[in-house]
C-alpha atoms as a PDB file:
ATOM      1  CA  UNK A   1      -2.947 -16.661   4.178  1.00  0.00           C
ATOM      2  CA  UNK A   2      -1.578 -13.377   5.468  1.00  0.00           C
ATOM      3  CA  UNK A   3      -3.412 -10.064   4.165  1.00  0.00           C
ATOM      4  CA  UNK A   4      -3.766  -9.383   0.910  1.00  0.00           C
ATOM      5  CA  UNK A   5      -2.801  -5.824  -0.160  1.00  0.00           C
ATOM      6  CA  UNK A   6      -4.590  -4.908  -3.580  1.00  0.00           C
ATOM      7  CA  UNK A   7      -4.147  -1.931  -5.659  1.00  0.00           C
ATOM      8  CA  UNK A   8      -6.978  -1.144  -8.625  1.00  0.00           C
ATOM      9  CA  UNK A   9      -5.772   1.443 -11.155  1.00  0.00           C
ATOM     10  CA  UNK A  10      -8.936   3.170 -12.516  1.00  0.00           C
ATOM     11  CA  UNK A  11      -8.045   5.776 -15.591  1.00  0.00           C
ATOM     12  CA  UNK A  12      -9.207   6.379 -19.223  1.00  0.00           C
ATOM     13  CA  UNK A  13      -7.670   4.813 -21.672  1.00  0.00           C
ATOM     14  CA  UNK A  14      -6.104   6.019 -25.117  1.00  0.00           C
ATOM     15  CA  UNK A  15      -8.285   4.379 -27.678  1.00  0.00           C
ATOM     16  CA  UNK A  16      -6.371   1.871 -30.024  1.00  0.00           C
ATOM     17  CA  UNK A  17      -2.934   3.307 -28.921  1.00  0.00           C
ATOM     18  CA  UNK A  18      -0.736   0.773 -26.977  1.00  0.00           C
ATOM     19  CA  UNK A  19       2.000   2.700 -26.506  1.00  0.00           C
ATOM     20  CA  UNK A  20       0.480   5.806 -24.850  1.00  0.00           C
ATOM     21  CA  UNK A  21      -1.485   3.362 -22.582  1.00  0.00           C
ATOM     22  CA  UNK A  22       1.604   1.100 -21.651  1.00  0.00           C
ATOM     23  CA  UNK A  23       3.318   4.797 -20.788  1.00  0.00           C
ATOM     24  CA  UNK A  24       0.366   6.197 -19.043  1.00  0.00           C
ATOM     25  CA  UNK A  25      -0.257   2.993 -16.562  1.00  0.00           C
ATOM     26  CA  UNK A  26       3.000   3.080 -16.037  1.00  0.00           C
ATOM     27  CA  UNK A  27       3.373   6.146 -14.313  1.00  0.00           C
ATOM     28  CA  UNK A  28      -0.025   5.601 -12.413  1.00  0.00           C
ATOM     29  CA  UNK A  29       2.249   2.337 -10.880  1.00  0.00           C
ATOM     30  CA  UNK A  30       5.007   4.565 -10.028  1.00  0.00           C
ATOM     31  CA  UNK A  31       2.345   6.984  -7.671  1.00  0.00           C
ATOM     32  CA  UNK A  32       1.140   3.667  -5.852  1.00  0.00           C
ATOM     33  CA  UNK A  33       1.784   4.667  -2.044  1.00  0.00           C
ATOM     34  CA  UNK A  34       2.877   1.714   0.016  1.00  0.00           C
ATOM     35  CA  UNK A  35       3.614  -2.150  -1.141  1.00  0.00           C
ATOM     36  CA  UNK A  36       1.013  -3.979  -3.237  1.00  0.00           C
ATOM     37  CA  UNK A  37       0.386  -7.777  -3.438  1.00  0.00           C
ATOM     38  CA  UNK A  38      -1.420  -7.705  -6.680  1.00  0.00           C
ATOM     39  CA  UNK A  39      -2.032  -4.704  -8.718  1.00  0.00           C
ATOM     40  CA  UNK A  40      -5.073  -4.671 -11.312  1.00  0.00           C
ATOM     41  CA  UNK A  41      -5.785  -2.828 -14.499  1.00  0.00           C
ATOM     42  CA  UNK A  42      -9.043  -2.639 -16.397  1.00  0.00           C
ATOM     43  CA  UNK A  43     -10.126  -4.998 -19.245  1.00  0.00           C
ATOM     44  CA  UNK A  44      -8.194  -3.955 -22.531  1.00  0.00           C
ATOM     45  CA  UNK A  45      -6.092  -1.693 -20.724  1.00  0.00           C
ATOM     46  CA  UNK A  46      -3.889  -1.084 -23.822  1.00  0.00           C
ATOM     47  CA  UNK A  47      -6.572  -0.258 -26.595  1.00  0.00           C
ATOM     48  CA  UNK A  48     -10.199   0.307 -24.969  1.00  0.00           C
ATOM     49  CA  UNK A  49     -12.841  -1.864 -25.502  1.00  0.00           C
ATOM     50  CA  UNK A  50     -12.141  -2.178 -29.437  1.00  0.00           C
ATOM     51  CA  UNK A  51     -13.735  -4.253 -32.117  1.00  0.00           C
ATOM     52  CA  UNK A  52     -10.747  -3.558 -34.408  1.00  0.00           C
ATOM     53  CA  UNK A  53      -8.504  -6.559 -33.163  1.00  0.00           C
ATOM     54  CA  UNK A  54      -6.445  -7.062 -36.232  1.00  0.00           C
ATOM     55  CA  UNK A  55      -3.837  -4.410 -36.208  1.00  0.00           C
ATOM     56  CA  UNK A  56      -3.457  -4.343 -32.276  1.00  0.00           C
ATOM     57  CA  UNK A  57      -3.623  -7.988 -31.684  1.00  0.00           C
ATOM     58  CA  UNK A  58      -0.362  -9.070 -30.049  1.00  0.00           C
ATOM     59  CA  UNK A  59       1.187 -12.617 -29.915  1.00  0.00           C
ATOM     60  CA  UNK A  60       2.058 -13.792 -26.668  1.00  0.00           C
ATOM     61  CA  UNK A  61       5.150 -12.932 -25.441  1.00  0.00           C
ATOM     62  CA  UNK A  62       5.383  -9.868 -26.752  1.00  0.00           C
ATOM     63  CA  UNK A  63       5.189  -6.048 -26.163  1.00  0.00           C
ATOM     64  CA  UNK A  64       2.434  -5.860 -23.359  1.00  0.00           C
ATOM     65  CA  UNK A  65       3.159  -8.814 -22.050  1.00  0.00           C
ATOM     66  CA  UNK A  66       7.253  -8.302 -21.708  1.00  0.00           C
ATOM     67  CA  UNK A  67       5.557  -4.924 -20.130  1.00  0.00           C
ATOM     68  CA  UNK A  68       3.727  -6.396 -17.464  1.00  0.00           C
ATOM     69  CA  UNK A  69       6.647  -8.918 -16.592  1.00  0.00           C
ATOM     70  CA  UNK A  70       8.939  -5.771 -16.111  1.00  0.00           C
ATOM     71  CA  UNK A  71       6.481  -3.979 -14.110  1.00  0.00           C
ATOM     72  CA  UNK A  72       5.536  -7.118 -11.993  1.00  0.00           C
ATOM     73  CA  UNK A  73       9.066  -7.732 -10.963  1.00  0.00           C
ATOM     74  CA  UNK A  74      10.198  -3.877 -10.515  1.00  0.00           C
ATOM     75  CA  UNK A  75       7.326  -3.743  -7.882  1.00  0.00           C
ATOM     76  CA  UNK A  76       7.384  -7.097  -6.320  1.00  0.00           C
ATOM     77  CA  UNK A  77       3.787  -7.730  -6.915  1.00  0.00           C
ATOM     78  CA  UNK A  78       1.880  -9.795  -9.234  1.00  0.00           C
ATOM     79  CA  UNK A  79       0.036  -7.733 -12.269  1.00  0.00           C
ATOM     80  CA  UNK A  80      -3.342  -8.530 -13.928  1.00  0.00           C
ATOM     81  CA  UNK A  81      -5.495  -7.161 -16.756  1.00  0.00           C
ATOM     82  CA  UNK A  82      -6.324  -7.481 -19.970  1.00  0.00           C
ATOM     83  CA  UNK A  83      -5.290  -7.212 -23.482  1.00  0.00           C
ATOM     84  CA  UNK A  84      -5.694  -8.460 -27.311  1.00  0.00           C
ATOM     85  CA  UNK A  85      -3.735 -11.472 -28.009  1.00  0.00           C
ATOM     86  CA  UNK A  86      -3.406 -13.375 -31.488  1.00  0.00           C
ATOM     87  CA  UNK A  87      -3.305 -16.893 -31.325  1.00  0.00           C
ATOM     88  CA  UNK A  88      -2.892 -18.767 -35.008  1.00  0.00           C
ATOM     89  CA  UNK A  89      -5.102 -16.088 -36.440  1.00  0.00           C
ATOM     90  CA  UNK A  90      -7.746 -16.114 -33.682  1.00  0.00           C
ATOM     91  CA  UNK A  91      -8.094 -13.233 -31.423  1.00  0.00           C
ATOM     92  CA  UNK A  92      -8.496 -13.194 -27.528  1.00  0.00           C
ATOM     93  CA  UNK A  93      -9.927 -10.745 -24.929  1.00  0.00           C
ATOM     94  CA  UNK A  94      -6.765 -12.468 -22.520  1.00  0.00           C
ATOM     95  CA  UNK A  95      -6.558 -11.702 -19.026  1.00  0.00           C
ATOM     96  CA  UNK A  96      -3.179 -12.133 -18.014  1.00  0.00           C
ATOM     97  CA  UNK A  97      -1.813 -12.854 -14.425  1.00  0.00           C
ATOM     98  CA  UNK A  98       1.768 -12.090 -14.460  1.00  0.00           C
ATOM     99  CA  UNK A  99       3.871 -13.013 -10.811  1.00  0.00           C
ATOM    100  CA  UNK A 100       7.143 -11.095  -9.881  1.00  0.00           C
ATOM    101  CA  UNK A 101       9.249 -14.012 -10.791  1.00  0.00           C
ATOM    102  CA  UNK A 102       8.089 -14.128 -14.002  1.00  0.00           C
ATOM    103  CA  UNK A 103       5.596 -16.843 -14.365  1.00  0.00           C
ATOM    104  CA  UNK A 104       2.125 -16.349 -15.848  1.00  0.00           C
ATOM    105  CA  UNK A 105      -1.213 -17.522 -16.233  1.00  0.00           C
ATOM    106  CA  UNK A 106      -3.918 -16.375 -18.237  1.00  0.00           C
ATOM    107  CA  UNK A 107      -8.085 -16.671 -18.691  1.00  0.00           C
ATOM    108  CA  UNK A 108      -9.931 -15.935 -21.712  1.00  0.00           C
ATOM    109  CA  UNK A 109     -13.010 -14.282 -21.740  1.00  0.00           C
ATOM    110  CA  UNK A 110     -16.124 -16.810 -22.195  1.00  0.00           C
ATOM    111  CA  UNK A 111     -19.197 -14.720 -21.908  1.00  0.00           C
ATOM    112  CA  UNK A 112     -18.448 -12.521 -25.316  1.00  0.00           C
ATOM    113  CA  UNK A 113     -20.556  -9.107 -25.297  1.00  0.00           C
ATOM    114  CA  UNK A 114     -22.641  -9.786 -28.552  1.00  0.00           C
ATOM    115  CA  UNK A 115     -24.437  -6.484 -28.505  1.00  0.00           C
ATOM    116  CA  UNK A 116     -20.902  -4.831 -29.530  1.00  0.00           C
ATOM    117  CA  UNK A 117     -19.974  -7.716 -32.167  1.00  0.00           C
ATOM    118  CA  UNK A 118     -17.423  -9.012 -29.496  1.00  0.00           C
ATOM    119  CA  UNK A 119     -18.230 -12.525 -30.538  1.00  0.00           C
ATOM    120  CA  UNK A 120     -18.102 -11.838 -34.370  1.00  0.00           C
ATOM    121  CA  UNK A 121     -14.285 -10.610 -33.631  1.00  0.00           C
ATOM    122  CA  UNK A 122     -13.178 -12.568 -30.874  1.00  0.00           C
ATOM    123  CA  UNK A 123     -12.919 -16.341 -29.888  1.00  0.00           C
ATOM    124  CA  UNK A 124     -14.498 -17.421 -26.510  1.00  0.00           C
ATOM    125  CA  UNK A 125     -12.464 -19.103 -23.460  1.00  0.00           C
ATOM    126  CA  UNK A 126     -13.482 -22.454 -22.368  1.00  0.00           C
ATOM    127  CA  UNK A 127     -11.888 -23.041 -19.137  1.00  0.00           C
ATOM    128  CA  UNK A 128     -11.374 -20.870 -15.972  1.00  0.00           C
ATOM    129  CA  UNK A 129      -8.302 -20.800 -13.662  1.00  0.00           C
ATOM    130  CA  UNK A 130      -7.384 -20.310 -10.598  1.00  0.00           C
ATOM    131  CA  UNK A 131      -4.341 -18.381  -9.529  1.00  0.00           C
ATOM    132  CA  UNK A 132      -2.467 -18.208  -6.270  1.00  0.00           C
ATOM    133  CA  UNK A 133      -1.023 -14.939  -4.604  1.00  0.00           C
ATOM    134  CA  UNK A 134       0.449 -14.850  -1.094  1.00  0.00           C
ATOM    135  CA  UNK A 135      -1.578 -18.167  -0.527  1.00  0.00           C
ATOM    136  CA  UNK A 136      -4.983 -16.339  -1.546  1.00  0.00           C
ATOM    137  CA  UNK A 137      -6.917 -17.884  -4.750  1.00  0.00           C
ATOM    138  CA  UNK A 138      -8.226 -15.867  -6.931  1.00  0.00           C
ATOM    139  CA  UNK A 139     -10.465 -16.225  -9.786  1.00  0.00           C
ATOM    140  CA  UNK A 140     -10.268 -13.956 -12.828  1.00  0.00           C
ATOM    141  CA  UNK A 141     -13.027 -12.902 -15.091  1.00  0.00           C
ATOM    142  CA  UNK A 142     -14.045 -10.184 -17.514  1.00  0.00           C
ATOM    143  CA  UNK A 143     -16.447  -7.737 -17.676  1.00  0.00           C
ATOM    144  CA  UNK A 144     -19.480  -9.239 -19.127  1.00  0.00           C
ATOM    145  CA  UNK A 145     -18.958 -12.567 -17.442  1.00  0.00           C
ATOM    146  CA  UNK A 146     -20.575 -10.817 -14.484  1.00  0.00           C
ATOM    147  CA  UNK A 147     -23.690 -11.377 -15.746  1.00  0.00           C
ATOM    148  CA  UNK A 148     -23.444 -15.341 -15.379  1.00  0.00           C
ATOM    149  CA  UNK A 149     -23.315 -16.399 -11.800  1.00  0.00           C
ATOM    150  CA  UNK A 150     -22.902 -19.938 -12.827  1.00  0.00           C
ATOM    151  CA  UNK A 151     -19.580 -19.424 -14.336  1.00  0.00           C
ATOM    152  CA  UNK A 152     -18.432 -17.718 -11.103  1.00  0.00           C
ATOM    153  CA  UNK A 153     -19.987 -20.312  -8.760  1.00  0.00           C
ATOM    154  CA  UNK A 154     -17.525 -21.595  -6.167  1.00  0.00           C
ATOM    155  CA  UNK A 155     -17.432 -25.481  -6.291  1.00  0.00           C
ATOM    156  CA  UNK A 156     -17.117 -27.905  -3.417  1.00  0.00           C
ATOM    157  CA  UNK A 157     -13.842 -30.403  -3.963  1.00  0.00           C
ATOM    158  CA  UNK A 158     -14.729 -32.978  -1.444  1.00  0.00           C
ATOM    159  CA  UNK A 159     -13.787 -31.632   2.027  1.00  0.00           C
ATOM    160  CA  UNK A 160     -12.867 -28.649   0.127  1.00  0.00           C
ATOM    161  CA  UNK A 161     -15.883 -26.141   0.817  1.00  0.00           C
ATOM    162  CA  UNK A 162     -14.615 -22.838  -0.998  1.00  0.00           C
ATOM    163  CA  UNK A 163     -12.750 -23.338  -4.567  1.00  0.00           C
ATOM    164  CA  UNK A 164     -11.359 -19.672  -3.997  1.00  0.00           C
ATOM    165  CA  UNK A 165     -11.205 -17.169  -1.718  1.00  0.00           C
ATOM    166  CA  UNK A 166     -11.467 -13.726  -4.225  1.00  0.00           C
ATOM    167  CA  UNK A 167     -13.535 -13.407  -7.506  1.00  0.00           C
ATOM    168  CA  UNK A 168     -12.176 -10.875  -9.401  1.00  0.00           C
ATOM    169  CA  UNK A 169     -13.257  -8.723 -12.601  1.00  0.00           C
ATOM    170  CA  UNK A 170     -11.658  -6.544 -15.076  1.00  0.00           C
ATOM    171  CA  UNK A 171     -14.125  -4.201 -17.192  1.00  0.00           C
ATOM    172  CA  UNK A 172     -15.178  -1.690 -19.559  1.00  0.00           C
ATOM    173  CA  UNK A 173     -18.642  -1.429 -18.127  1.00  0.00           C
ATOM    174  CA  UNK A 174     -20.619   1.202 -19.284  1.00  0.00           C
ATOM    175  CA  UNK A 175     -22.631   4.300 -17.378  1.00  0.00           C
ATOM    176  CA  UNK A 176     -26.046   3.051 -18.335  1.00  0.00           C
ATOM    177  CA  UNK A 177     -25.898  -0.163 -16.429  1.00  0.00           C
ATOM    178  CA  UNK A 178     -23.568   0.902 -13.621  1.00  0.00           C
ATOM    179  CA  UNK A 179     -26.278   0.059 -11.098  1.00  0.00           C
ATOM    180  CA  UNK A 180     -26.243  -3.568 -12.350  1.00  0.00           C
ATOM    181  CA  UNK A 181     -22.331  -3.709 -12.269  1.00  0.00           C
ATOM    182  CA  UNK A 182     -22.505  -2.387  -8.307  1.00  0.00           C
ATOM    183  CA  UNK A 183     -25.382  -4.942  -7.678  1.00  0.00           C
ATOM    184  CA  UNK A 184     -23.622  -8.083  -9.470  1.00  0.00           C
ATOM    185  CA  UNK A 185     -20.074  -7.611  -7.583  1.00  0.00           C
ATOM    186  CA  UNK A 186     -21.801  -7.464  -3.959  1.00  0.00           C
ATOM    187  CA  UNK A 187     -23.709 -10.693  -5.131  1.00  0.00           C
ATOM    188  CA  UNK A 188     -20.522 -12.346  -6.290  1.00  0.00           C
ATOM    189  CA  UNK A 189     -19.200 -11.733  -2.637  1.00  0.00           C
ATOM    190  CA  UNK A 190     -22.361 -12.766  -0.969  1.00  0.00           C
ATOM    191  CA  UNK A 191     -23.113 -16.007  -2.669  1.00  0.00           C
ATOM    192  CA  UNK A 192     -19.600 -17.474  -2.846  1.00  0.00           C
ATOM    193  CA  UNK A 193     -18.636 -16.321   0.548  1.00  0.00           C
ATOM    194  CA  UNK A 194     -15.749 -15.073  -0.988  1.00  0.00           C
ATOM    195  CA  UNK A 195     -14.161 -11.094  -1.457  1.00  0.00           C
ATOM    196  CA  UNK A 196     -15.296  -9.719  -4.669  1.00  0.00           C
ATOM    197  CA  UNK A 197     -13.077  -7.144  -6.847  1.00  0.00           C
ATOM    198  CA  UNK A 198     -14.299  -4.957  -9.759  1.00  0.00           C
ATOM    199  CA  UNK A 199     -11.912  -2.845 -11.950  1.00  0.00           C
ATOM    200  CA  UNK A 200     -13.482  -0.555 -14.583  1.00  0.00           C
ATOM    201  CA  UNK A 201     -12.493   2.403 -16.708  1.00  0.00           C
ATOM    202  CA  UNK A 202     -13.289   6.253 -17.134  1.00  0.00           C
ATOM    203  CA  UNK A 203     -13.823   8.645 -19.938  1.00  0.00           C
ATOM    204  CA  UNK A 204     -15.207   8.315 -23.155  1.00  0.00           C
ATOM    205  CA  UNK A 205     -13.936   5.635 -25.611  1.00  0.00           C
ATOM    206  CA  UNK A 206     -13.751   5.826 -29.737  1.00  0.00           C
ATOM    207  CA  UNK A 207     -17.229   4.890 -29.883  1.00  0.00           C
ATOM    208  CA  UNK A 208     -18.648   7.051 -27.529  1.00  0.00           C
ATOM    209  CA  UNK A 209     -19.095   4.923 -24.807  1.00  0.00           C
ATOM    210  CA  UNK A 210     -19.049   6.734 -21.137  1.00  0.00           C
ATOM    211  CA  UNK A 211     -17.524   5.290 -18.162  1.00  0.00           C
ATOM    212  CA  UNK A 212     -17.583   6.366 -14.651  1.00  0.00           C
ATOM    213  CA  UNK A 213     -15.696   3.912 -12.787  1.00  0.00           C
ATOM    214  CA  UNK A 214     -17.268   2.017  -9.884  1.00  0.00           C
ATOM    215  CA  UNK A 215     -14.025  -0.101  -9.065  1.00  0.00           C
ATOM    216  CA  UNK A 216     -14.936  -1.815  -5.931  1.00  0.00           C
ATOM    217  CA  UNK A 217     -13.887  -4.316  -3.245  1.00  0.00           C
ATOM    218  CA  UNK A 218     -16.346  -6.386  -1.480  1.00  0.00           C
ATOM    219  CA  UNK A 219     -16.354  -8.399   1.775  1.00  0.00           C
ATOM    220  CA  UNK A 220     -17.961 -11.512   1.824  1.00  0.00           C
ATOM    221  CA  UNK A 221     -21.359 -10.065   3.567  1.00  0.00           C
ATOM    222  CA  UNK A 222     -21.555  -7.729   0.509  1.00  0.00           C
ATOM    223  CA  UNK A 223     -19.974  -4.737   2.541  1.00  0.00           C
ATOM    224  CA  UNK A 224     -18.113  -2.339   0.213  1.00  0.00           C
ATOM    225  CA  UNK A 225     -14.751  -1.796   1.574  1.00  0.00           C
ATOM    226  CA  UNK A 226     -13.261   0.636  -1.017  1.00  0.00           C
ATOM    227  CA  UNK A 227     -15.152   2.381  -4.220  1.00  0.00           C
ATOM    228  CA  UNK A 228     -14.393   5.388  -6.147  1.00  0.00           C
ATOM    229  CA  UNK A 229     -16.333   7.033  -9.408  1.00  0.00           C
ATOM    230  CA  UNK A 230     -13.201   9.067 -10.597  1.00  0.00           C
ATOM    231  CA  UNK A 231     -10.007   8.736 -11.971  1.00  0.00           C
ATOM    232  CA  UNK A 232      -7.537   7.647  -9.236  1.00  0.00           C
ATOM    233  CA  UNK A 233      -5.501   4.766  -7.464  1.00  0.00           C
ATOM    234  CA  UNK A 234      -7.651   2.661  -5.035  1.00  0.00           C
ATOM    235  CA  UNK A 235      -6.343   0.507  -2.176  1.00  0.00           C
ATOM    236  CA  UNK A 236      -7.500  -1.897   0.177  1.00  0.00           C
ATOM    237  CA  UNK A 237      -6.626  -4.927   2.402  1.00  0.00           C
ATOM    238  CA  UNK A 238      -8.100  -7.885   2.456  1.00  0.00           C
ATOM    239  CA  UNK A 239      -8.323  -9.861   5.614  1.00  0.00           C
ATOM    240  CA  UNK A 240      -7.613 -13.449   5.851  1.00  0.00           C
ATOM    241  CA  UNK A 241      -8.850 -13.599   9.329  1.00  0.00           C
ATOM    242  CA  UNK A 242     -12.167 -11.991   8.811  1.00  0.00           C
ATOM    243  CA  UNK A 243     -12.779 -14.307   6.025  1.00  0.00           C
ATOM    244  CA  UNK A 244     -12.027 -17.521   7.685  1.00  0.00           C
ATOM    245  CA  UNK A 245     -13.931 -16.423  10.692  1.00  0.00           C
ATOM    246  CA  UNK A 246     -17.242 -15.735   8.798  1.00  0.00           C
ATOM    247  CA  UNK A 247     -16.677 -19.168   6.785  1.00  0.00           C
ATOM    248  CA  UNK A 248     -16.134 -21.225  10.443  1.00  0.00           C
ATOM    249  CA  UNK A 249     -18.925 -19.738  12.352  1.00  0.00           C
ATOM    250  CA  UNK A 250     -21.551 -19.506   8.852  1.00  0.00           C
ATOM    251  CA  UNK A 251     -20.609 -22.687   6.591  1.00  0.00           C
ATOM    252  CA  UNK A 252     -23.366 -22.168   3.923  1.00  0.00           C
ATOM    253  CA  UNK A 253     -21.435 -23.869   1.597  1.00  0.00           C
ATOM    254  CA  UNK A 254     -21.765 -27.383   3.004  1.00  0.00           C
ATOM    255  CA  UNK A 255     -25.580 -26.803   1.896  1.00  0.00           C
ATOM    256  CA  UNK A 256     -24.547 -25.614  -1.623  1.00  0.00           C
ATOM    257  CA  UNK A 257     -25.530 -27.623  -4.750  1.00  0.00           C
ATOM    258  CA  UNK A 258     -23.331 -29.837  -6.595  1.00  0.00           C
ATOM    259  CA  UNK A 259     -22.730 -29.247 -10.242  1.00  0.00           C
ATOM    260  CA  UNK A 260     -20.233 -29.347 -13.587  1.00  0.00           C
ATOM    261  CA  UNK A 261     -19.373 -26.655 -15.920  1.00  0.00           C
ATOM    262  CA  UNK A 262     -19.309 -27.431 -19.383  1.00  0.00           C
END
């Protein structure tokens, strides 16, 4: 693996206004300094965390997906972020990973936030997906998934001790519980011996929930490499050598429990 240059865009979001958000995030992407291998946007970056999916959901290969393909190609970087997708009348909070060559993978949020009624409006995903960027294996997850460590646990596969190198969360995680966000992101890095990335939003949404960011990057020791609590573009470089050195010196994963997800 080469070192991985990541860019996190921490921003307010226009409530339920897809066109305004795509224009706004495009301007922010133009402002990125230097080259990026991976650009990450928040959860439901085109609408905010809305429980009104019917008029906002898009079929696959529609406006937001085409926009992501264009941004990935123009910036020669992989783009990640979630938005609302309609599949046969079912609504999904779907994280899209779009590569510069136009190929794409997706992950549907498994753990739906019942306190907001997300489980009543959206269908949950059933499978994890590992995506690859410059040789790095990345596990992308969404917001509430962060509270469920088994879903993020790196599994041993024969002689391969590490299922992935980065666990990544896109989120609309509100201010009252932001300390939990900070603690759990660090924990996911430590327990999986991987980098952990969280991208949250800013501002106040259409149901008066307040967001204060805390988008962060942690190394496998749980040390904070990048952090912000204001609206800005955050950049960090993940060191392949440091990760490999730690894993070789402290192969804790050899002693990890075997298990299966269902």
